[in-house]
C-alpha cells in the first residue's frame, strides 16, 4: 500500500472508514430497533390486556362456578385475533383460568403480579415462563372498585425477534446504499485529487517538497513565482533580501509591494524579459522573466533576480583604473617627450632655457593638483578629480574647477560622493566630446546655508528640456547599448545616491552657451556643521 498513489490510499482509507462507520451505525440501528420493538410489543400487549379486562363477558364468566369453561374459548379467540402467544386470565392469587396449554390451567402463573393486584394498570415485563422468555403485560380486572381477577397477555421473545428480523433487510439495504453513495463520492474526490497530485504517493510528495524547499532557499539567485493575476505565490530568501520584501508578501500583488515603479511595472506585466537591469533602494539587479507552463496551460510567471551591485562597483573601479592607466600611459609619453626636449636643450648649451621649460611644465601639473587638494577635502574625490582631469586632457577636453570651489569632508559617504562626481564627470566629458571646440568641463562646489551645491557643466550639445527628467531613469542614454550591464545606469545611480543622503539633483541648460549643467544639492549633516 505504501507504493500506492496518494489518491488511491485516500480512497482505500475512506472506504475502510465508511465501512466501519456504516457497520457501527447498522449495529446500533439494529439494537435500537430491538429496544423499540420490545417497547412497542409491551404497549400492544398492554392494550390487548386492557381490552379483555373491561370485557363484560369476562366479569360474567368470573361469577360462574366454573369460570374456565367460558373464559378459555374467549381467551383463545382473542389470542388468535391479536397474534399473541398467550392470554391468561387468573385469580388475584395467580391461579390460571386460561392458558394456551390446557394442562397449565389451574396452576400458578409464572411472573410478577403484585403491581396488578395493587391496581396498577400499566405494568409490563420480560419474563421466562412456561412458553419461554416473553414480553407480557399484567392488568387488573375491576368490579365495583375491587380487583377480582388479573389478565396477562404476552408474546414470546422469539416471536418479537422474528418480527425484528423482518426489518434487517431494510437496515442492510440502507447501509449498502449509503456505502455505495459514499464510495461514489470518494471516487470523485479521489479522481480530483489524482489530477491535482499528478498521481504521486505521499512519500514522493513529501520528498519533492523537502528537496524543492531546500533548493529554493539554497540557490544564490532570487526567485519569485507569480500567478496569472500577478500575485506572489512563492518567494525565496535571496529575493526577499534583494527586494526587501515584507514577511506577509505571499498572495499580494507584486506592484503593491513598494518596489521602484519601473521594476514593479515590469514584474506585474508578465512579459518575457532577459537580463534587464533594474535599481532597487540600494541594489542593482538583473531581472529575467518567463511564463510558467504545465501541459500547455500558463500557470503564471517565473522571475529570477541576480545581484549585480558588487559587479557594477567592480566594473566602475575597473573603468576608473583603466582610465588612470591610460592617463599614466599618455603622461609617460608626454613626460618622455618633455625629457627629450630638456636633454636636447642642455646638449645644445641652452641650460637656462631647459630649466625654464621644465619649471613651466611642472608648475602647470602642480597647479591643478594644488587646486584640487585645496578645493576638495575628501581624499577619494580629490584623487578621482585629478584622474578624470588627466583622462579629459588626453581626449582634448579641459577639466577645470570653479573659482572659490569648496567641497567639505563629512558631507556624505565617500563611496556615494565618488559615485555622484565620477558619473557626472564621465557624462560631461562624453558630452563635451560631441560639442564644438573648445571642449571643456567645469566642476564647482559651494556651501550655501545648510547645504552644499555641487555643479558640473560641459560644452556639449546639451539636453532637450523634454528629456531632462527622463535622463535620471534607468536605461536612458544617448549612447548605444553595450557592455555586460548595458548603459543608462550612471545618472540613475547618481539620483539614487543623492536621495539616499537626503539631497536633490536637477539638470538645466548652461548659462554660458550650450551644454548642460547638473546641480546636486546635499544637506550638511549636523556632525559636519561648524
Protein backbone atom coordinates (compact mmCIF):
# COMPACT_ATOMS: atom_id res chain seq x y z
CA UNK A 1 0.00 0.00 0.00
CA UNK A 2 2.98 2.32 0.59
CA UNK A 3 3.61 2.25 -3.17
CA UNK A 4 0.10 3.42 -3.98
CA UNK A 5 -0.54 6.97 -5.02
CA UNK A 6 -1.95 9.41 -2.50
CA UNK A 7 -5.34 9.35 -4.25
CA UNK A 8 -5.54 5.54 -4.12
CA UNK A 9 -4.50 5.43 -0.48
CA UNK A 10 -7.05 8.08 0.39
CA UNK A 11 -9.78 6.13 -1.43
CA UNK A 12 -8.89 2.93 0.45
CA UNK A 13 -8.82 4.72 3.80
CA UNK A 14 -12.11 6.46 3.11
CA UNK A 15 -13.72 3.19 2.06
CA UNK A 16 -12.48 1.48 5.24
CA UNK A 17 -13.65 4.32 7.45
CA UNK A 18 -17.05 4.46 5.76
CA UNK A 19 -17.47 0.69 6.03
CA UNK A 20 -16.62 0.71 9.75
CA UNK A 21 -18.90 3.65 10.42
CA UNK A 22 -21.79 2.12 8.48
CA UNK A 23 -21.29 -1.22 10.25
CA UNK A 24 -21.45 0.55 13.59
CA UNK A 25 -24.48 2.55 12.55
CA UNK A 26 -26.25 -0.59 11.27
CA UNK A 27 -25.48 -2.46 14.51
CA UNK A 28 -26.65 0.47 16.60
CA UNK A 29 -29.79 0.75 14.48
CA UNK A 30 -30.48 -2.99 14.91
CA UNK A 31 -30.11 -2.74 18.68
CA UNK A 32 -32.22 0.39 18.79
CA UNK A 33 -34.90 -1.24 16.66
CA UNK A 34 -34.85 -4.20 19.08
CA UNK A 35 -35.49 -1.93 22.05
CA UNK A 36 -38.13 0.00 20.16
CA UNK A 37 -39.77 -3.24 19.02
CA UNK A 38 -39.91 -4.62 22.57
CA UNK A 39 -41.37 -1.36 23.85
CA UNK A 40 -43.97 -1.39 21.09
CA UNK A 41 -44.77 -5.05 21.83
CA UNK A 42 -45.20 -4.19 25.51
CA UNK A 43 -47.61 -1.39 24.67
CA UNK A 44 -49.51 -3.67 22.31
CA UNK A 45 -49.82 -6.41 24.97
CA UNK A 46 -50.96 -3.81 27.46
CA UNK A 47 -53.71 -2.60 25.10
CA UNK A 48 -54.97 -6.18 24.45
CA UNK A 49 -54.96 -6.95 28.19
CA UNK A 50 -56.92 -3.76 28.99
CA UNK A 51 -59.45 -4.54 26.30
CA UNK A 52 -60.02 -8.01 27.68
CA UNK A 53 -60.09 -6.84 31.32
CA UNK A 54 -63.02 -4.50 30.71
CA UNK A 55 -64.97 -7.03 28.62
CA UNK A 56 -68.37 -7.69 30.37
CA UNK A 57 -68.14 -11.33 29.31
CA UNK A 58 -65.06 -11.71 31.48
CA UNK A 59 -66.85 -10.38 34.57
CA UNK A 60 -69.85 -12.54 33.81
CA UNK A 61 -67.67 -15.64 33.41
CA UNK A 62 -65.87 -14.95 36.68
CA UNK A 63 -69.17 -15.27 38.54
CA UNK A 64 -69.80 -18.80 37.18
CA UNK A 65 -68.96 -21.83 39.29
CA UNK A 66 -66.50 -22.93 36.53
CA UNK A 67 -65.00 -19.76 35.03
CA UNK A 68 -62.51 -21.67 32.87
CA UNK A 69 -65.31 -23.19 30.79
CA UNK A 70 -66.35 -19.78 29.47
CA UNK A 71 -63.02 -17.92 29.70
CA UNK A 72 -60.81 -20.45 27.88
CA UNK A 73 -62.62 -20.19 24.49
CA UNK A 74 -62.75 -16.39 24.85
CA UNK A 75 -59.05 -16.15 25.65
CA UNK A 76 -58.05 -18.41 22.75
CA UNK A 77 -60.19 -16.42 20.35
CA UNK A 78 -58.52 -13.18 21.49
CA UNK A 79 -55.08 -14.80 21.23
CA UNK A 80 -55.78 -15.88 17.66
CA UNK A 81 -57.23 -12.50 16.66
CA UNK A 82 -54.32 -10.49 18.14
CA UNK A 83 -51.48 -12.86 17.10
CA UNK A 84 -50.29 -13.09 20.68
CA UNK A 85 -48.70 -16.20 22.20
CA UNK A 86 -50.76 -16.40 25.35
CA UNK A 87 -53.80 -14.83 27.01
CA UNK A 88 -54.13 -15.80 30.65
CA UNK A 89 -56.98 -14.90 32.99
CA UNK A 90 -56.17 -15.71 36.64
CA UNK A 91 -57.22 -15.13 40.16
CA UNK A 92 -55.61 -12.46 42.31
CA UNK A 93 -53.52 -15.28 43.76
CA UNK A 94 -52.16 -16.18 40.30
CA UNK A 95 -54.21 -19.39 39.70
CA UNK A 96 -54.83 -19.68 35.96
CA UNK A 97 -58.33 -19.87 34.47
CA UNK A 98 -56.96 -19.97 30.90
CA UNK A 99 -53.75 -20.93 29.10
CA UNK A 100 -52.77 -21.98 25.55
CA UNK A 101 -51.61 -25.27 27.08
CA UNK A 102 -54.71 -26.77 28.74
CA UNK A 103 -52.61 -28.75 31.25
CA UNK A 104 -51.38 -25.42 32.73
CA UNK A 105 -54.93 -24.37 33.69
CA UNK A 106 -55.31 -24.42 37.46
CA UNK A 107 -51.61 -23.92 38.06
CA UNK A 108 -49.86 -20.80 39.37
CA UNK A 109 -48.94 -18.06 36.90
CA UNK A 110 -45.19 -17.58 36.48
CA UNK A 111 -44.39 -13.91 36.68
CA UNK A 112 -44.78 -10.84 38.83
CA UNK A 113 -48.41 -9.94 39.59
CA UNK A 114 -48.11 -7.80 42.72
CA UNK A 115 -48.36 -4.42 40.87
CA UNK A 116 -51.56 -5.51 39.12
CA UNK A 117 -53.01 -6.82 42.39
CA UNK A 118 -52.46 -3.35 43.87
CA UNK A 119 -54.43 -1.88 40.97
CA UNK A 120 -51.57 -0.79 38.70
CA UNK A 121 -52.82 -0.80 35.11
CA UNK A 122 -49.61 -0.23 33.09
CA UNK A 123 -47.26 -2.93 34.29
CA UNK A 124 -45.20 -4.81 31.67
CA UNK A 125 -42.17 -7.08 31.96
CA UNK A 126 -39.98 -9.58 30.14
CA UNK A 127 -40.12 -12.88 32.00
CA UNK A 128 -39.33 -16.56 31.33
CA UNK A 129 -42.46 -18.60 31.81
CA UNK A 130 -43.80 -21.93 30.59
CA UNK A 131 -43.51 -20.82 26.95
CA UNK A 132 -40.01 -19.38 27.40
CA UNK A 133 -38.94 -15.74 27.61
CA UNK A 134 -41.81 -13.42 26.75
CA UNK A 135 -42.85 -9.80 26.78
CA UNK A 136 -46.02 -9.59 28.84
CA UNK A 137 -48.49 -7.19 30.39
CA UNK A 138 -50.48 -7.85 33.60
CA UNK A 139 -53.56 -5.70 34.36
CA UNK A 140 -56.33 -6.00 36.98
CA UNK A 141 -59.97 -6.84 36.31
CA UNK A 142 -62.05 -4.40 38.36
CA UNK A 143 -65.55 -4.94 39.72
CA UNK A 144 -67.03 -2.17 41.80
CA UNK A 145 -63.59 -0.73 42.51
CA UNK A 146 -62.17 -4.06 43.63
CA UNK A 147 -59.57 -6.21 41.89
CA UNK A 148 -61.38 -9.51 41.31
CA UNK A 149 -59.04 -11.11 38.79
CA UNK A 150 -55.98 -10.48 36.58
CA UNK A 151 -55.38 -10.65 32.83
CA UNK A 152 -51.95 -11.28 31.34
CA UNK A 153 -51.25 -11.08 27.61
CA UNK A 154 -47.81 -11.82 26.15
CA UNK A 155 -45.69 -12.61 23.15
CA UNK A 156 -42.56 -14.69 23.28
CA UNK A 157 -39.16 -13.06 22.67
CA UNK A 158 -38.71 -15.45 19.78
CA UNK A 159 -41.76 -14.01 18.05
CA UNK A 160 -40.57 -10.49 18.81
CA UNK A 161 -37.15 -11.32 17.34
CA UNK A 162 -38.84 -12.81 14.33
CA UNK A 163 -40.64 -9.53 13.75
CA UNK A 164 -37.38 -7.67 14.20
CA UNK A 165 -35.61 -9.96 11.72
CA UNK A 166 -38.04 -8.78 9.08
CA UNK A 167 -36.53 -5.29 9.44
CA UNK A 168 -32.95 -6.48 8.92
CA UNK A 169 -33.10 -6.43 5.08
CA UNK A 170 -34.21 -2.80 5.19
CA UNK A 171 -31.39 -1.92 7.55
CA UNK A 172 -28.84 -3.73 5.41
CA UNK A 173 -30.26 -2.23 2.24
CA UNK A 174 -29.96 1.27 3.65
CA UNK A 175 -26.39 0.57 4.80
CA UNK A 176 -25.40 -0.78 1.37
CA UNK A 177 -27.00 2.21 -0.38
CA UNK A 178 -25.14 4.59 1.94
CA UNK A 179 -21.90 2.68 1.31
CA UNK A 180 -22.38 2.94 -2.45
CA UNK A 181 -23.08 6.67 -2.25
CA UNK A 182 -20.04 7.20 -0.02
CA UNK A 183 -17.89 5.14 -2.40
CA UNK A 184 -19.10 7.19 -5.36
CA UNK A 185 -18.30 10.43 -3.54
CA UNK A 186 -14.88 9.13 -2.51
CA UNK A 187 -14.19 8.09 -6.08
CA UNK A 188 -14.98 11.59 -7.33
CA UNK A 189 -12.76 13.15 -4.65
CA UNK A 190 -10.01 10.66 -5.49
CA UNK A 191 -10.26 11.47 -9.18
CA UNK A 192 -9.87 15.17 -8.46
CA UNK A 193 -7.01 14.51 -6.04
CA UNK A 194 -5.26 12.31 -8.58
CA UNK A 195 -5.30 15.12 -11.12
CA UNK A 196 -4.12 17.60 -8.52
CA UNK A 197 -1.24 15.49 -7.18
CA UNK A 198 -0.36 14.00 -10.59
CA UNK A 199 -0.90 10.52 -9.15
CA UNK A 200 2.08 10.81 -6.78
CA UNK A 201 2.33 8.98 -3.49
CA UNK A 202 2.71 10.65 -0.05
CA UNK A 203 6.39 9.72 0.19
CA UNK A 204 7.06 11.18 -3.26
CA UNK A 205 5.16 14.36 -2.45
CA UNK A 206 6.98 14.73 0.88
CA UNK A 207 10.37 14.12 -0.72
CA UNK A 208 9.58 16.53 -3.55
CA UNK A 209 8.53 19.24 -1.08
CA UNK A 210 11.64 18.77 1.06
CA UNK A 211 14.00 18.85 -1.93
CA UNK A 212 12.25 21.76 -3.63
CA UNK A 213 12.14 23.76 -0.41
CA UNK A 214 15.83 23.09 0.26
CA UNK A 215 16.82 24.05 -3.30
CA UNK A 216 14.57 27.11 -3.24
CA UNK A 217 16.29 28.57 -0.20
CA UNK A 218 19.80 27.40 -1.13
CA UNK A 219 20.11 28.99 -4.59
CA UNK A 220 22.02 32.25 -4.80
CA UNK A 221 19.55 33.81 -7.23
CA UNK A 222 16.36 35.46 -6.12
CA UNK A 223 13.23 33.61 -7.23
CA UNK A 224 9.63 34.83 -7.47
CA UNK A 225 6.64 32.84 -8.66
CA UNK A 226 3.64 34.94 -9.69
CA UNK A 227 0.20 33.65 -10.61
CA UNK A 228 -1.77 34.79 -13.65
CA UNK A 229 -3.06 37.82 -11.71
CA UNK A 230 0.44 38.97 -10.78
CA UNK A 231 0.16 37.89 -7.13
CA UNK A 232 3.19 36.49 -5.33
CA UNK A 233 2.80 32.77 -4.67
CA UNK A 234 6.36 31.86 -3.73
CA UNK A 235 9.50 33.80 -2.83
CA UNK A 236 12.88 32.64 -1.61
CA UNK A 237 15.30 34.21 0.87
CA UNK A 238 17.53 35.84 -1.75
CA UNK A 239 14.57 37.58 -3.42
CA UNK A 240 13.45 38.90 -0.02
CA UNK A 241 16.95 40.28 0.55
CA UNK A 242 17.34 41.89 -2.86
CA UNK A 243 13.88 43.48 -2.93
CA UNK A 244 13.49 43.99 0.85
CA UNK A 245 10.14 42.23 0.81
CA UNK A 246 7.95 42.01 3.94
CA UNK A 247 7.11 38.70 5.62
CA UNK A 248 3.46 38.75 4.50
CA UNK A 249 4.29 39.03 0.81
CA UNK A 250 2.53 35.86 -0.36
CA UNK A 251 -0.82 36.49 -2.03
CA UNK A 252 -0.19 40.20 -2.54
CA UNK A 253 0.05 41.88 -5.99
CA UNK A 254 3.68 42.38 -6.95
CA UNK A 255 3.11 46.00 -7.98
CA UNK A 256 1.83 46.84 -4.46
CA UNK A 257 4.98 45.77 -2.58
CA UNK A 258 6.67 49.17 -2.56
CA UNK A 259 9.12 48.29 -5.32
CA UNK A 260 10.51 51.01 -7.63
CA UNK A 261 7.89 51.97 -10.20
CA UNK A 262 9.82 50.62 -13.19
CA UNK A 263 10.57 47.28 -11.52
CA UNK A 264 7.02 46.84 -10.18
CA UNK A 265 5.52 47.54 -13.61
CA UNK A 266 7.94 45.14 -15.29
CA UNK A 267 7.10 42.28 -12.92
CA UNK A 268 3.34 42.93 -12.99
CA UNK A 269 3.27 42.99 -16.80
CA UNK A 270 4.32 39.35 -17.09
CA UNK A 271 6.07 39.81 -20.44
CA UNK A 272 9.25 37.80 -21.10
CA UNK A 273 12.37 39.72 -20.10
CA UNK A 274 16.03 38.82 -20.47
CA UNK A 275 18.87 40.34 -18.44
CA UNK A 276 17.16 43.66 -17.75
CA UNK A 277 18.94 45.96 -15.34
CA UNK A 278 16.81 47.49 -12.55
CA UNK A 279 17.60 49.56 -9.49
CA UNK A 280 16.15 48.95 -6.04
CA UNK A 281 16.70 51.09 -2.97
CA UNK A 282 20.33 50.02 -2.65
CA UNK A 283 20.88 47.29 -5.23
CA UNK A 284 21.41 46.75 -8.93
CA UNK A 285 19.58 43.61 -10.01
CA UNK A 286 19.41 41.74 -13.30
CA UNK A 287 15.86 40.58 -13.98
CA UNK A 288 14.84 37.60 -16.10
CA UNK A 289 11.17 36.75 -16.52
CA UNK A 290 9.42 33.91 -18.35
CA UNK A 291 6.00 32.28 -18.41
CA UNK A 292 5.49 29.15 -16.27
CA UNK A 293 3.55 26.49 -18.16
CA UNK A 294 2.27 22.98 -17.45
CA UNK A 295 0.61 20.78 -20.06
CA UNK A 296 0.18 23.77 -22.33
CA UNK A 297 -1.55 25.87 -19.64
CA UNK A 298 0.00 29.07 -18.36
CA UNK A 299 0.23 28.94 -14.58
CA UNK A 300 1.89 32.32 -14.07
CA UNK A 301 5.35 33.86 -14.28
CA UNK A 302 8.79 32.85 -13.04
CA UNK A 303 11.09 35.75 -12.14
CA UNK A 304 14.79 35.33 -11.34
CA UNK A 305 16.91 38.09 -9.83
CA UNK A 306 20.71 38.36 -9.78
CA UNK A 307 22.59 40.84 -7.63
CA UNK A 308 24.97 42.89 -9.78
CA UNK A 309 25.70 45.61 -7.24
CA UNK A 310 29.20 44.37 -6.45
CA UNK A 311 29.84 43.58 -10.12
CA UNK A 312 28.81 47.08 -11.13
CA UNK A 313 31.09 48.54 -8.45
CA UNK A 314 33.95 46.39 -9.72
CA UNK A 315 33.26 47.46 -13.31
CA UNK A 316 33.26 51.13 -12.25
CA UNK A 317 36.52 50.67 -10.39
CA UNK A 318 37.99 48.84 -13.36
CA UNK A 319 36.96 51.62 -15.71
CA UNK A 320 38.48 54.20 -13.35
CA UNK A 321 41.71 52.21 -13.05
CA UNK A 322 41.81 51.74 -16.81
CA UNK A 323 41.34 55.46 -17.25
CA UNK A 324 44.15 56.12 -14.80
CA UNK A 325 46.33 53.61 -16.63
CA UNK A 326 45.60 55.25 -19.99
CA UNK A 327 46.26 58.63 -18.44
CA UNK A 328 49.57 57.46 -16.97
CA UNK A 329 50.48 55.89 -20.30
CA UNK A 330 49.79 59.13 -22.11
CA UNK A 331 51.61 61.13 -19.45
CA UNK A 332 54.55 58.76 -19.72
CA UNK A 333 54.77 59.51 -23.46
CA UNK A 334 54.38 63.21 -22.73
CA UNK A 335 57.00 63.05 -20.00
CA UNK A 336 59.37 61.24 -22.37
CA UNK A 337 58.88 63.97 -24.97
CA UNK A 338 59.44 66.65 -22.37
CA UNK A 339 62.54 64.88 -21.07
CA UNK A 340 63.97 64.59 -24.57
CA UNK A 341 63.30 68.27 -25.07
CA UNK A 342 65.09 69.20 -21.85
CA UNK A 343 68.06 66.91 -22.67
CA UNK A 344 68.33 68.30 -26.18
CA UNK A 345 68.30 71.90 -24.90
CA UNK A 346 71.07 71.05 -22.46
CA UNK A 347 73.09 69.35 -25.20
CA UNK A 348 72.71 72.47 -27.31
CA UNK A 349 74.14 74.53 -24.46
CA UNK A 350 70.85 76.20 -23.59
CA UNK A 351 70.65 75.14 -19.95
CA UNK A 352 68.70 78.22 -18.89
CA UNK A 353 66.00 77.57 -21.46
CA UNK A 354 65.88 73.90 -20.46
CA UNK A 355 65.37 74.86 -16.80
CA UNK A 356 62.67 77.40 -17.71
CA UNK A 357 60.85 74.82 -19.88
CA UNK A 358 60.91 72.11 -17.19
CA UNK A 359 59.81 74.54 -14.46
CA UNK A 360 56.83 75.75 -16.55
CA UNK A 361 55.61 72.22 -17.25
CA UNK A 362 55.93 71.28 -13.59
CA UNK A 363 54.02 74.37 -12.50
CA UNK A 364 51.12 73.54 -14.84
CA UNK A 365 50.74 70.00 -13.43
CA UNK A 366 51.27 71.09 -9.84
CA UNK A 367 48.79 73.96 -10.17
CA UNK A 368 45.90 71.58 -10.99
CA UNK A 369 46.87 69.20 -8.18
CA UNK A 370 47.15 72.02 -5.65
CA UNK A 371 43.83 73.49 -6.77
CA UNK A 372 42.07 70.15 -6.37
CA UNK A 373 43.59 69.43 -2.97
CA UNK A 374 42.65 72.92 -1.76
CA UNK A 375 39.08 72.70 -3.03
CA UNK A 376 38.19 69.09 -2.23
CA UNK A 377 38.54 67.91 1.37
CA UNK A 378 37.50 64.34 0.56
CA UNK A 379 40.68 62.42 -0.45
CA UNK A 380 38.83 59.86 -2.56
CA UNK A 381 37.03 62.55 -4.53
CA UNK A 382 40.22 64.61 -4.91
CA UNK A 383 42.07 61.64 -6.38
CA UNK A 384 39.11 60.97 -8.67
CA UNK A 385 39.07 64.56 -9.98
CA UNK A 386 42.82 64.53 -10.67
CA UNK A 387 42.49 61.27 -12.59
CA UNK A 388 39.45 62.50 -14.55
CA UNK A 389 41.35 65.71 -15.44
CA UNK A 390 44.17 63.67 -16.92
CA UNK A 391 41.73 61.48 -18.87
CA UNK A 392 39.88 64.54 -20.16
CA UNK A 393 43.11 66.27 -21.18
CA UNK A 394 44.18 63.21 -23.15
CA UNK A 395 40.89 63.39 -25.10
CA UNK A 396 41.21 67.13 -25.72
CA UNK A 397 38.79 68.25 -23.00
CA UNK A 398 39.82 70.77 -20.35
CA UNK A 399 38.57 69.96 -16.85
CA UNK A 400 38.70 72.99 -14.57
CA UNK A 401 37.43 73.99 -11.15
CA UNK A 402 35.19 76.94 -10.42
CA UNK A 403 36.87 79.76 -8.55
CA UNK A 404 36.30 79.51 -4.85
CA UNK A 405 35.20 75.86 -5.04
CA UNK A 406 34.96 74.07 -1.69
CA UNK A 407 33.73 70.51 -1.11
CA UNK A 408 33.91 69.84 2.66
CA UNK A 409 34.58 66.50 4.27
CA UNK A 410 31.82 64.60 6.12
CA UNK A 411 29.14 65.73 3.70
CA UNK A 412 28.14 62.19 2.72
CA UNK A 413 29.55 58.71 2.43
CA UNK A 414 32.76 58.81 0.37
CA UNK A 415 31.54 55.96 -1.85
CA UNK A 416 28.34 57.89 -2.66
CA UNK A 417 30.32 61.06 -3.40
CA UNK A 418 32.62 59.14 -5.76
CA UNK A 419 29.52 57.69 -7.48
CA UNK A 420 27.97 61.15 -7.90
CA UNK A 421 31.07 63.07 -9.01
CA UNK A 422 32.53 60.26 -11.11
CA UNK A 423 29.36 59.61 -13.12
CA UNK A 424 28.63 63.30 -13.63
CA UNK A 425 32.21 63.96 -14.84
CA UNK A 426 32.15 60.93 -17.15
CA UNK A 427 28.87 62.06 -18.71
CA UNK A 428 30.14 65.65 -19.00
CA UNK A 429 33.38 64.58 -20.72
CA UNK A 430 31.43 62.36 -23.15
CA UNK A 431 29.03 65.26 -23.85
CA UNK A 432 31.90 67.73 -24.38
CA UNK A 433 33.48 65.41 -26.95
CA UNK A 434 30.28 65.69 -29.00
CA UNK A 435 30.33 69.51 -28.94
CA UNK A 436 32.42 72.05 -30.84
CA UNK A 437 35.82 73.28 -29.71
CA UNK A 438 36.91 74.49 -27.28
CA UNK A 439 35.76 71.47 -25.29
CA UNK A 440 35.60 71.96 -21.55
CA UNK A 441 34.08 70.65 -18.32
CA UNK A 442 33.79 72.70 -15.13
CA UNK A 443 33.33 71.34 -11.64
CA UNK A 444 32.14 73.53 -8.82
CA UNK A 445 31.02 73.15 -5.22
CA UNK A 446 29.97 75.85 -2.77
CA UNK A 447 28.44 75.69 0.71
CA UNK A 448 25.13 77.57 0.99
CA UNK A 449 23.21 77.81 4.27
CA UNK A 450 22.74 74.19 5.48
CA UNK A 451 23.60 72.55 2.18
CA UNK A 452 26.37 72.21 -0.38
CA UNK A 453 25.60 72.90 -4.06
CA UNK A 454 27.66 70.79 -6.46
CA UNK A 455 27.69 71.81 -10.15
CA UNK A 456 29.05 70.02 -13.23
CA UNK A 457 28.81 71.92 -16.55
CA UNK A 458 30.03 70.99 -20.01
CA UNK A 459 30.32 72.42 -23.51
CA UNK A 460 28.39 69.62 -25.17
CA UNK A 461 25.17 69.82 -27.19
CA UNK A 462 23.04 69.87 -24.03
CA UNK A 463 19.78 68.09 -23.24
CA UNK A 464 16.33 68.53 -24.67
CA UNK A 465 14.18 70.10 -21.91
CA UNK A 466 11.59 67.39 -22.53
CA UNK A 467 14.07 64.63 -21.73
CA UNK A 468 15.76 66.29 -18.74
CA UNK A 469 13.72 64.36 -16.15
CA UNK A 470 13.84 61.15 -18.19
CA UNK A 471 17.65 61.29 -18.11
CA UNK A 472 17.61 60.09 -14.48
CA UNK A 473 15.56 56.96 -15.17
CA UNK A 474 17.07 53.51 -15.55
CA UNK A 475 18.07 52.66 -19.11
CA UNK A 476 18.13 56.23 -20.52
CA UNK A 477 21.24 57.03 -22.54
CA UNK A 478 22.33 58.98 -25.56
CA UNK A 479 24.79 56.19 -26.42
CA UNK A 480 24.05 52.79 -27.98
CA UNK A 481 23.79 49.85 -25.61
CA UNK A 482 26.96 47.94 -24.91
CA UNK A 483 28.79 46.07 -22.20
CA UNK A 484 27.62 43.37 -19.83
CA UNK A 485 25.48 45.73 -17.83
CA UNK A 486 24.44 47.99 -20.69
CA UNK A 487 24.19 51.76 -20.46
CA UNK A 488 21.82 54.17 -18.82
CA UNK A 489 22.71 53.43 -15.18
CA UNK A 490 25.03 56.34 -14.40
CA UNK A 491 22.50 59.11 -13.81
CA UNK A 492 20.06 56.69 -12.19
CA UNK A 493 22.80 55.74 -9.72
CA UNK A 494 23.55 59.43 -9.15
CA UNK A 495 19.93 60.18 -8.27
CA UNK A 496 19.74 57.13 -6.01
CA UNK A 497 22.95 58.10 -4.15
CA UNK A 498 21.82 61.73 -3.78
CA UNK A 499 18.38 60.75 -2.47
CA UNK A 500 19.96 58.26 -0.09
CA UNK A 501 21.80 61.20 1.52
CA UNK A 502 18.72 63.43 1.63
CA UNK A 503 19.65 65.58 -1.36
CA UNK A 504 18.24 66.54 -4.76
CA UNK A 505 19.63 66.62 -8.31
CA UNK A 506 18.47 68.71 -11.29
CA UNK A 507 19.65 69.40 -14.84
CA UNK A 508 19.37 72.66 -16.72
CA UNK A 509 20.83 74.30 -19.87
CA UNK A 510 24.20 76.01 -19.39
CA UNK A 511 24.12 79.79 -18.97
CA UNK A 512 27.50 80.09 -20.71
CA UNK A 513 26.10 78.90 -24.01
CA UNK A 514 25.46 75.29 -25.00
CA UNK A 515 25.94 72.21 -22.87
CA UNK A 516 24.12 71.20 -19.72
CA UNK A 517 24.54 71.89 -16.01
CA UNK A 518 23.86 69.21 -13.42
CA UNK A 519 23.17 70.66 -9.97
CA UNK A 520 23.34 68.46 -6.87
CA UNK A 521 22.15 69.79 -3.51
CA UNK A 522 23.30 67.82 -0.48
CA UNK A 523 22.36 68.78 3.10
CA UNK A 524 25.20 69.24 5.55
CA UNK A 525 24.88 66.72 8.42
CA UNK A 526 24.76 68.10 11.95
CA UNK A 527 28.07 66.43 12.79
CA UNK A 528 29.79 68.28 9.89
CA UNK A 529 28.46 71.76 10.74
CA UNK A 530 30.83 74.18 12.42
